[in-house]
Amino acid sequence: MRLTPPQAGYGDVSDDYYDLLGVERSADEAALKSAFRKAAMKWHPDRNPGDAAAEARFKEINEAYAVLSDPQKRAAYDRYGKAGLGQGGPGGPGGFGGADVGDIFESVFGDIFGDVFGNRRGGSRSGGPARGADLRMDLEITLEEAYLGKDAQLKVPTEETCTTCDGTGAAPGTKPETCGTCGGAGQVRVQNGFFMMTRTCPTCGGRGTIIKSPCKACNGRGAVKIERTLQVAIPAGVEDGTRVRLAGEGDRGARGGPRGDLYVFLSVRRHEIFERDGRDLYCRIPVPMTTAALGGKVEVPTIDGGRADVDVGPGSQTGQRIRLRHHGMTQLKTVARGDMHVELFVETPRNLSAKQKDLLRQFQAECGDASHPEHHGFFEKARGFWEKMTGA
């Protein structure tokens, strides 16, 4: 039966290692690790200052995990209990079966606390080479450039190795000296509660060296700020928000580490004629009333700078759409193109002369219901609605 450690009365809890972690005896490695994380965070001395019982529980939890996370020790414990752990078992001369509490915490909490144990996720130990930071730049392009692609020039502020001191940070004729606090290791071990942990050396900041005579050109940093001009190839078909990665063009690495990357985020400027939806383009064009009524052709622009004729059928209405195949945007990394959708907007004539008005009146007189079927149909429905509502 699994016991759950209570909030108070610490001494009443079983000293069985599985009970201490709150897991079943069949728990796998992931379940053990998850339970240990929760229990260790709960009973850590830093979270329970001055609480001797909490510190004792914290030690017991570490004992339990030190044994159960080791397959051989766990097998011995499962068969014989604590007696099977011998002199090297928890509480004996070997402490935690020879395991270092700091090592246990590093393996479980290293991805959370990082520098507490001298590591950073994806990085290296303090004092060693470190990868440079990634940089981000924003670049606005036109829709035409997104269609065609382009080679753009970017001016990127960054850092380069100081040529005066060759990156050492020390004045010419001098050199960095070994840090007396950490002995060049870049790390120091400090007491934290009842166990030791590794931290970045506070004197040298993890470099392992001290610069007593800084280089005046870089103020001891070993690097100077410059502006580099880079060429970036924008492929045809990119969309708003596309990210282009330039490997190795970010900030310089520390202590000989590799450079980071540069990420260029693209934004596509709004176009005065076209609207884009993925590969397709949309264009709204005005059509004279006479052309919409009689039919004809309307010339429209295309994104590649060309022209296309749109056939407007007799009696065309506002909102009607006509698709022009393969006149849309380029698809990224292919030669395929989307479509262009032309939406008609029938324009009513304005600023009419007296003669034009007279001609329209004559036209109106000649038109019957058959010439305006939608108008006639709507008002037939409206008449029926009024009659129903008024009873007339």
Protein backbone atom coordinates (compact mmCIF):
# COMPACT_ATOMS: atom_id res chain seq x y z
CA MET A 1 0.00 0.00 0.00
CA ARG A 2 1.45 3.38 -1.00
CA LEU A 3 1.58 6.06 1.69
CA THR A 4 1.29 9.78 0.95
CA PRO A 5 3.55 11.95 3.14
CA PRO A 6 1.29 14.19 5.28
CA GLN A 7 1.76 17.91 5.79
CA ALA A 8 2.56 17.48 9.50
CA GLY A 9 3.80 14.74 11.83
CA TYR A 10 6.84 13.88 9.69
CA GLY A 11 7.91 11.07 12.02
CA ASP A 12 4.75 9.09 11.35
CA VAL A 13 5.65 8.38 7.71
CA SER A 14 7.07 4.99 6.76
CA ASP A 15 10.82 4.88 6.12
CA ASP A 16 10.24 2.62 3.11
CA TYR A 17 11.92 4.28 0.13
CA TYR A 18 8.91 3.79 -2.14
CA ASP A 19 6.62 5.31 0.49
CA LEU A 20 8.98 8.26 0.96
CA LEU A 21 8.75 9.10 -2.75
CA GLY A 22 5.04 8.25 -2.91
CA VAL A 23 5.33 5.72 -5.76
CA GLU A 24 4.36 2.09 -6.32
CA ARG A 25 7.06 -0.58 -6.20
CA SER A 26 6.57 -1.10 -9.93
CA ALA A 27 7.35 2.57 -10.75
CA ASP A 28 9.63 3.05 -13.74
CA GLU A 29 12.56 5.48 -14.03
CA ALA A 30 10.42 8.36 -15.30
CA ALA A 31 7.89 7.99 -12.47
CA LEU A 32 10.70 7.90 -9.89
CA LYS A 33 12.31 10.99 -11.31
CA SER A 34 9.01 12.90 -11.43
CA ALA A 35 8.14 11.93 -7.85
CA PHE A 36 11.60 12.91 -6.63
CA ARG A 37 11.34 16.31 -8.29
CA LYS A 38 8.06 17.06 -6.57
CA ALA A 39 9.16 15.80 -3.17
CA ALA A 40 12.56 17.53 -3.28
CA MET A 41 11.03 20.86 -4.26
CA LYS A 42 8.50 20.53 -1.44
CA TRP A 43 10.93 19.66 1.35
CA HIS A 44 14.00 21.63 0.21
CA PRO A 45 15.60 23.52 3.15
CA ASP A 46 15.48 26.77 1.20
CA ARG A 47 11.69 26.47 1.09
CA ASN A 48 11.48 25.49 4.74
CA PRO A 49 14.03 27.71 6.49
CA GLY A 50 14.74 26.75 10.10
CA ASP A 51 12.59 23.61 9.87
CA ALA A 52 14.78 20.74 11.08
CA ALA A 53 12.08 18.16 10.39
CA ALA A 54 11.77 19.30 6.76
CA GLU A 55 15.56 19.08 6.32
CA ALA A 56 15.51 15.57 7.75
CA ARG A 57 12.75 14.58 5.35
CA PHE A 58 14.75 16.13 2.49
CA LYS A 59 17.73 13.89 3.37
CA GLU A 60 15.49 10.82 3.50
CA ILE A 61 14.03 11.62 0.08
CA ASN A 62 17.54 11.92 -1.38
CA GLU A 63 18.47 8.61 0.23
CA ALA A 64 15.45 6.97 -1.35
CA TYR A 65 16.12 8.30 -4.83
CA ALA A 66 19.86 7.54 -4.65
CA VAL A 67 19.02 3.87 -4.12
CA LEU A 68 15.95 3.42 -6.32
CA SER A 69 17.48 5.23 -9.30
CA ASP A 70 20.37 2.74 -9.31
CA PRO A 71 19.20 -0.60 -10.81
CA GLN A 72 21.65 -2.73 -8.78
CA LYS A 73 20.94 -1.00 -5.47
CA ARG A 74 17.22 -1.10 -6.17
CA ALA A 75 17.33 -4.85 -6.81
CA ALA A 76 19.21 -5.42 -3.55
CA TYR A 77 16.79 -3.20 -1.65
CA ASP A 78 13.73 -4.90 -3.15
CA ARG A 79 15.03 -8.31 -2.04
CA TYR A 80 16.65 -7.62 1.34
CA GLY A 81 15.57 -4.09 2.34
CA LYS A 82 18.16 -1.69 3.74
CA ALA A 83 20.19 -4.62 5.02
CA GLY A 84 20.93 -5.56 1.43
CA LEU A 85 22.71 -2.26 0.85
CA GLY A 86 25.59 -3.11 3.19
CA GLN A 87 28.12 -0.59 4.45
CA GLY A 88 27.84 1.44 1.30
CA GLY A 89 24.12 2.00 1.82
CA PRO A 90 22.48 5.23 2.86
CA GLY A 91 23.38 6.24 6.33
CA GLY A 92 26.49 4.07 6.31
CA PRO A 93 30.09 5.15 5.88
CA GLY A 94 29.67 5.49 2.14
CA GLY A 95 26.61 7.75 2.44
CA PHE A 96 24.04 7.35 -0.45
CA GLY A 97 25.83 4.26 -1.75
CA GLY A 98 28.79 6.46 -2.77
CA ALA A 99 26.59 8.85 -4.72
CA ASP A 100 27.15 12.61 -4.38
CA VAL A 101 23.98 14.56 -3.60
CA GLY A 102 25.10 17.32 -5.95
CA ASP A 103 25.43 14.77 -8.75
CA ILE A 104 21.95 13.44 -7.98
CA PHE A 105 20.48 16.92 -8.12
CA GLU A 106 22.36 17.76 -11.30
CA SER A 107 20.96 14.71 -13.07
CA VAL A 108 17.39 15.50 -12.01
CA PHE A 109 17.28 19.30 -11.79
CA GLY A 110 20.09 20.29 -14.17
CA ASP A 111 17.60 21.15 -16.94
CA ILE A 112 15.79 23.51 -14.54
CA PHE A 113 18.51 25.19 -12.49
CA GLY A 114 21.26 25.13 -15.15
CA ASP A 115 24.12 27.24 -13.81
CA VAL A 116 23.69 25.97 -10.23
CA PHE A 117 25.60 22.90 -11.38
CA GLY A 118 27.84 24.70 -13.82
CA ASN A 119 25.83 23.66 -16.88
CA ARG A 120 23.43 25.39 -19.23
CA ARG A 121 21.08 23.49 -21.46
CA GLY A 122 22.66 23.10 -24.83
CA GLY A 123 25.80 24.86 -23.59
CA SER A 124 29.04 23.84 -21.95
CA ARG A 125 30.68 24.01 -18.58
CA SER A 126 31.60 27.44 -17.28
CA GLY A 127 35.01 28.53 -18.41
CA GLY A 128 34.85 26.53 -21.64
CA PRO A 129 33.84 27.61 -25.13
CA ALA A 130 30.29 28.95 -25.34
CA ARG A 131 28.15 29.38 -28.44
CA GLY A 132 27.31 32.96 -29.38
CA ALA A 133 23.81 34.37 -29.10
CA ASP A 134 21.36 34.17 -32.00
CA LEU A 135 20.35 37.47 -33.58
CA ARG A 136 17.06 38.57 -35.12
CA MET A 137 16.44 41.14 -37.83
CA ASP A 138 13.18 42.23 -39.46
CA LEU A 139 13.02 42.89 -43.20
CA GLU A 140 10.05 44.30 -45.11
CA ILE A 141 9.62 43.35 -48.76
CA THR A 142 7.01 44.11 -51.42
CA LEU A 143 4.51 41.59 -52.74
CA GLU A 144 6.31 41.67 -56.09
CA GLU A 145 9.58 40.77 -54.33
CA ALA A 146 7.81 37.95 -52.51
CA TYR A 147 6.60 36.67 -55.89
CA LEU A 148 9.96 36.94 -57.66
CA GLY A 149 12.40 36.48 -54.77
CA LYS A 150 15.34 38.81 -54.30
CA ASP A 151 18.88 39.19 -52.99
CA ALA A 152 18.84 41.68 -50.14
CA GLN A 153 21.66 43.43 -48.30
CA LEU A 154 21.51 43.63 -44.51
CA LYS A 155 23.61 45.74 -42.19
CA VAL A 156 23.99 43.70 -39.03
CA PRO A 157 25.44 45.16 -35.82
CA THR A 158 27.59 42.49 -34.22
CA GLU A 159 30.86 41.83 -32.42
CA GLU A 160 34.23 40.74 -33.79
CA THR A 161 37.42 39.67 -32.09
CA CYS A 162 39.52 42.67 -31.08
CA THR A 163 42.60 42.78 -33.32
CA THR A 164 44.59 44.86 -30.82
CA CYS A 165 44.62 42.17 -28.16
CA ASP A 166 43.74 39.17 -30.38
CA GLY A 167 40.65 38.58 -28.29
CA THR A 168 42.43 38.12 -24.96
CA GLY A 169 41.09 41.36 -23.50
CA ALA A 170 44.54 42.13 -22.06
CA ALA A 171 46.63 45.13 -23.08
CA PRO A 172 49.41 44.42 -25.61
CA GLY A 173 52.47 43.03 -23.84
CA THR A 174 50.37 41.50 -21.03
CA LYS A 175 48.19 38.44 -20.71
CA PRO A 176 45.30 37.25 -18.53
CA GLU A 177 46.29 35.71 -15.20
CA THR A 178 44.85 32.61 -13.60
CA CYS A 179 42.00 33.40 -11.21
CA GLY A 180 43.11 32.90 -7.62
CA THR A 181 39.59 32.11 -6.40
CA CYS A 182 38.85 29.11 -8.62
CA GLY A 183 42.39 28.23 -9.73
CA GLY A 184 41.42 28.61 -13.37
CA ALA A 185 38.50 26.19 -13.24
CA GLY A 186 35.86 28.89 -13.64
CA GLN A 187 33.79 27.19 -10.94
CA VAL A 188 33.74 27.01 -7.17
CA ARG A 189 32.03 24.55 -4.86
CA VAL A 190 29.85 26.11 -2.19
CA GLN A 191 27.89 24.75 0.75
CA ASN A 192 24.12 24.92 0.30
CA GLY A 193 22.35 23.48 3.33
CA PHE A 194 23.79 20.03 3.95
CA PHE A 195 25.30 19.39 0.48
CA MET A 196 27.84 20.95 -1.86
CA MET A 197 27.01 22.49 -5.21
CA THR A 198 29.06 23.91 -8.06
CA ARG A 199 28.61 27.55 -9.06
CA THR A 200 30.21 29.94 -11.52
CA CYS A 201 33.21 31.64 -9.96
CA PRO A 202 32.10 35.10 -8.77
CA THR A 203 35.58 36.58 -9.23
CA CYS A 204 36.26 35.72 -12.87
CA GLY A 205 32.68 35.11 -14.03
CA GLY A 206 33.54 31.59 -15.20
CA ARG A 207 36.44 32.59 -17.43
CA GLY A 208 39.11 31.13 -15.14
CA THR A 209 41.34 34.17 -15.71
CA ILE A 210 41.64 37.73 -14.45
CA ILE A 211 42.67 40.70 -16.61
CA LYS A 212 44.67 43.23 -14.60
CA SER A 213 45.62 45.47 -17.54
CA PRO A 214 42.60 45.67 -19.88
CA CYS A 215 43.02 46.37 -23.58
CA LYS A 216 42.04 49.99 -24.26
CA ALA A 217 40.63 49.22 -27.70
CA CYS A 218 37.95 46.85 -26.34
CA ASN A 219 37.97 47.75 -22.62
CA GLY A 220 39.01 44.23 -21.73
CA ARG A 221 36.11 42.55 -23.49
CA GLY A 222 38.19 40.95 -26.22
CA ALA A 223 35.64 42.05 -28.81
CA VAL A 224 34.57 45.26 -30.54
CA LYS A 225 31.20 46.25 -31.99
CA ILE A 226 31.09 46.56 -35.78
CA GLU A 227 28.48 46.61 -38.55
CA ARG A 228 28.68 43.84 -41.11
CA THR A 229 27.01 43.83 -44.52
CA LEU A 230 25.45 40.47 -45.38
CA GLN A 231 23.70 39.15 -48.47
CA VAL A 232 20.50 37.22 -47.86
CA ALA A 233 18.68 35.33 -50.61
CA ILE A 234 14.91 35.69 -50.31
CA PRO A 235 13.34 32.75 -52.16
CA ALA A 236 10.33 33.25 -54.42
CA GLY A 237 7.01 32.47 -52.77
CA VAL A 238 7.79 33.56 -49.19
CA GLU A 239 4.87 34.65 -47.03
CA ASP A 240 4.44 37.21 -44.31
CA GLY A 241 6.23 35.90 -41.20
CA THR A 242 8.63 33.62 -43.08
CA ARG A 243 11.93 33.14 -41.21
CA VAL A 244 15.23 32.86 -43.08
CA ARG A 245 18.16 31.40 -41.13
CA LEU A 246 21.74 32.46 -41.79
CA ALA A 247 23.87 29.89 -39.98
CA GLY A 248 26.93 31.22 -38.17
CA GLU A 249 26.09 34.90 -38.73
CA GLY A 250 25.00 35.69 -35.17
CA ASP A 251 27.08 36.95 -32.25
CA ARG A 252 30.59 35.61 -31.74
CA GLY A 253 31.06 32.82 -29.25
CA ALA A 254 32.84 33.26 -25.95
CA ARG A 255 36.26 31.74 -25.34
CA GLY A 256 36.57 30.42 -28.88
CA GLY A 257 33.03 29.07 -29.13
CA PRO A 258 31.10 29.05 -32.42
CA ARG A 259 29.01 31.98 -33.59
CA GLY A 260 25.25 31.96 -33.18
CA ASP A 261 22.81 32.19 -36.07
CA LEU A 262 21.03 35.17 -37.61
CA TYR A 263 17.28 34.87 -38.20
CA VAL A 264 15.68 37.25 -40.69
CA PHE A 265 11.91 37.61 -40.22
CA LEU A 266 10.10 38.80 -43.34
CA SER A 267 7.02 40.99 -43.50
CA VAL A 268 5.23 41.57 -46.84
CA ARG A 269 4.01 45.12 -47.42
CA ARG A 270 0.32 45.60 -48.22
CA HIS A 271 -0.29 45.94 -51.97
CA GLU A 272 -2.47 48.65 -53.49
CA ILE A 273 -4.10 46.30 -56.02
CA PHE A 274 -3.74 42.68 -54.88
CA GLU A 275 -4.68 40.84 -51.71
CA ARG A 276 -3.00 37.54 -50.96
CA ASP A 277 -4.30 34.33 -49.44
CA GLY A 278 -1.58 31.69 -49.57
CA ARG A 279 -0.78 31.05 -53.23
CA ASP A 280 -3.88 32.86 -54.53
CA LEU A 281 -4.32 36.54 -55.28
CA TYR A 282 -7.54 38.56 -55.20
CA CYS A 283 -8.23 41.70 -57.19
CA ARG A 284 -11.42 43.83 -57.23
CA ILE A 285 -11.94 45.71 -60.48
CA PRO A 286 -14.59 48.29 -61.46
CA VAL A 287 -16.63 47.48 -64.55
CA PRO A 288 -18.66 50.13 -66.43
CA MET A 289 -22.40 49.55 -66.20
CA THR A 290 -22.71 49.29 -69.96
CA THR A 291 -19.96 46.63 -70.16
CA ALA A 292 -21.58 44.66 -67.36
CA ALA A 293 -24.94 44.85 -69.15
CA LEU A 294 -23.76 44.14 -72.69
CA GLY A 295 -20.65 42.04 -71.98
CA GLY A 296 -17.11 42.69 -73.09
CA LYS A 297 -13.50 42.49 -72.01
CA VAL A 298 -11.66 44.23 -69.19
CA GLU A 299 -7.86 44.37 -69.00
CA VAL A 300 -6.35 43.69 -65.54
CA PRO A 301 -2.73 43.73 -64.25
CA THR A 302 -0.97 40.56 -63.06
CA ILE A 303 1.64 40.17 -60.30
CA ASP A 304 4.41 39.41 -62.79
CA GLY A 305 3.94 42.83 -64.43
CA GLY A 306 1.87 41.52 -67.32
CA ARG A 307 -1.73 42.03 -68.39
CA ALA A 308 -4.65 39.67 -68.72
CA ASP A 309 -8.02 40.04 -70.45
CA VAL A 310 -11.07 39.17 -68.37
CA ASP A 311 -14.23 38.18 -70.22
CA VAL A 312 -17.24 39.92 -68.67
CA GLY A 313 -20.44 38.12 -69.63
CA PRO A 314 -23.67 40.03 -70.49
CA GLY A 315 -25.65 40.85 -67.36
CA SER A 316 -22.69 40.48 -64.98
CA GLN A 317 -23.34 41.61 -61.42
CA THR A 318 -21.29 43.13 -58.60
CA GLY A 319 -19.51 40.44 -56.55
CA GLN A 320 -19.23 37.99 -59.42
CA ARG A 321 -15.79 36.31 -59.45
CA ILE A 322 -13.74 35.15 -62.39
CA ARG A 323 -10.70 32.90 -61.86
CA LEU A 324 -7.53 33.27 -63.90
CA ARG A 325 -5.59 30.05 -63.49
CA HIS A 326 -1.85 30.16 -62.78
CA HIS A 327 -1.75 33.95 -62.40
CA GLY A 328 -1.24 33.90 -58.62
CA MET A 329 1.83 33.73 -56.38
CA THR A 330 4.78 31.40 -56.78
CA GLN A 331 4.71 28.42 -54.44
CA LEU A 332 7.80 28.27 -52.21
CA LYS A 333 10.52 25.90 -53.48
CA THR A 334 8.53 24.98 -56.62
CA VAL A 335 7.71 26.50 -59.99
CA ALA A 336 3.97 26.10 -59.44
CA ARG A 337 1.72 29.16 -59.20
CA GLY A 338 -1.61 29.80 -57.58
CA ASP A 339 -4.63 31.44 -59.20
CA MET A 340 -5.84 35.01 -59.44
CA HIS A 341 -9.47 35.74 -58.55
CA VAL A 342 -11.02 38.83 -60.11
CA GLU A 343 -14.10 40.22 -58.37
CA LEU A 344 -16.33 42.49 -60.44
CA PHE A 345 -17.70 45.75 -59.12
CA VAL A 346 -20.34 47.27 -61.43
CA GLU A 347 -19.85 51.04 -61.43
CA THR A 348 -22.91 53.27 -61.74
CA PRO A 349 -22.15 56.26 -63.99
CA ARG A 350 -21.84 59.68 -62.33
CA ASN A 351 -21.46 63.30 -63.47
CA LEU A 352 -23.90 62.75 -66.36
CA SER A 353 -24.59 65.40 -68.98
CA ALA A 354 -28.16 66.41 -69.84
CA LYS A 355 -28.06 64.32 -72.99
CA GLN A 356 -26.81 61.25 -71.09
CA LYS A 357 -29.59 61.64 -68.54
CA ASP A 358 -32.16 61.91 -71.30
CA LEU A 359 -30.83 58.76 -72.97
CA LEU A 360 -31.00 56.90 -69.64
CA ARG A 361 -34.59 57.99 -69.13
CA GLN A 362 -35.44 56.62 -72.57
CA PHE A 363 -33.60 53.40 -71.69
CA GLN A 364 -35.50 53.18 -68.42
CA ALA A 365 -38.80 53.59 -70.20
CA GLU A 366 -37.94 50.78 -72.56
CA CYS A 367 -36.92 48.39 -69.74
CA GLY A 368 -39.51 46.10 -68.24
CA ASP A 369 -39.49 43.57 -65.44
CA ALA A 370 -37.62 41.10 -67.63
CA SER A 371 -34.63 43.44 -67.74
CA HIS A 372 -34.42 43.59 -63.92
CA PRO A 373 -35.55 40.16 -62.69
CA GLU A 374 -33.96 40.44 -59.26
CA HIS A 375 -35.49 43.86 -58.66
CA HIS A 376 -38.92 42.58 -59.73
CA GLY A 377 -38.62 39.37 -57.68
CA PHE A 378 -37.58 41.21 -54.51
CA PHE A 379 -40.49 43.61 -54.57
CA GLU A 380 -42.93 40.81 -55.29
CA LYS A 381 -41.74 39.21 -52.04
CA ALA A 382 -41.89 42.56 -50.25
CA ARG A 383 -45.48 43.14 -51.40
CA GLY A 384 -46.51 39.76 -50.06
CA PHE A 385 -44.82 40.53 -46.72
CA TRP A 386 -46.64 43.87 -46.37
CA GLU A 387 -49.99 42.30 -47.19
CA LYS A 388 -49.47 39.56 -44.58
CA MET A 389 -48.46 42.07 -41.89
CA THR A 390 -51.19 44.62 -42.53
CA GLY A 391 -53.94 42.30 -43.72
CA ALA A 392 -54.54 44.58 -46.68
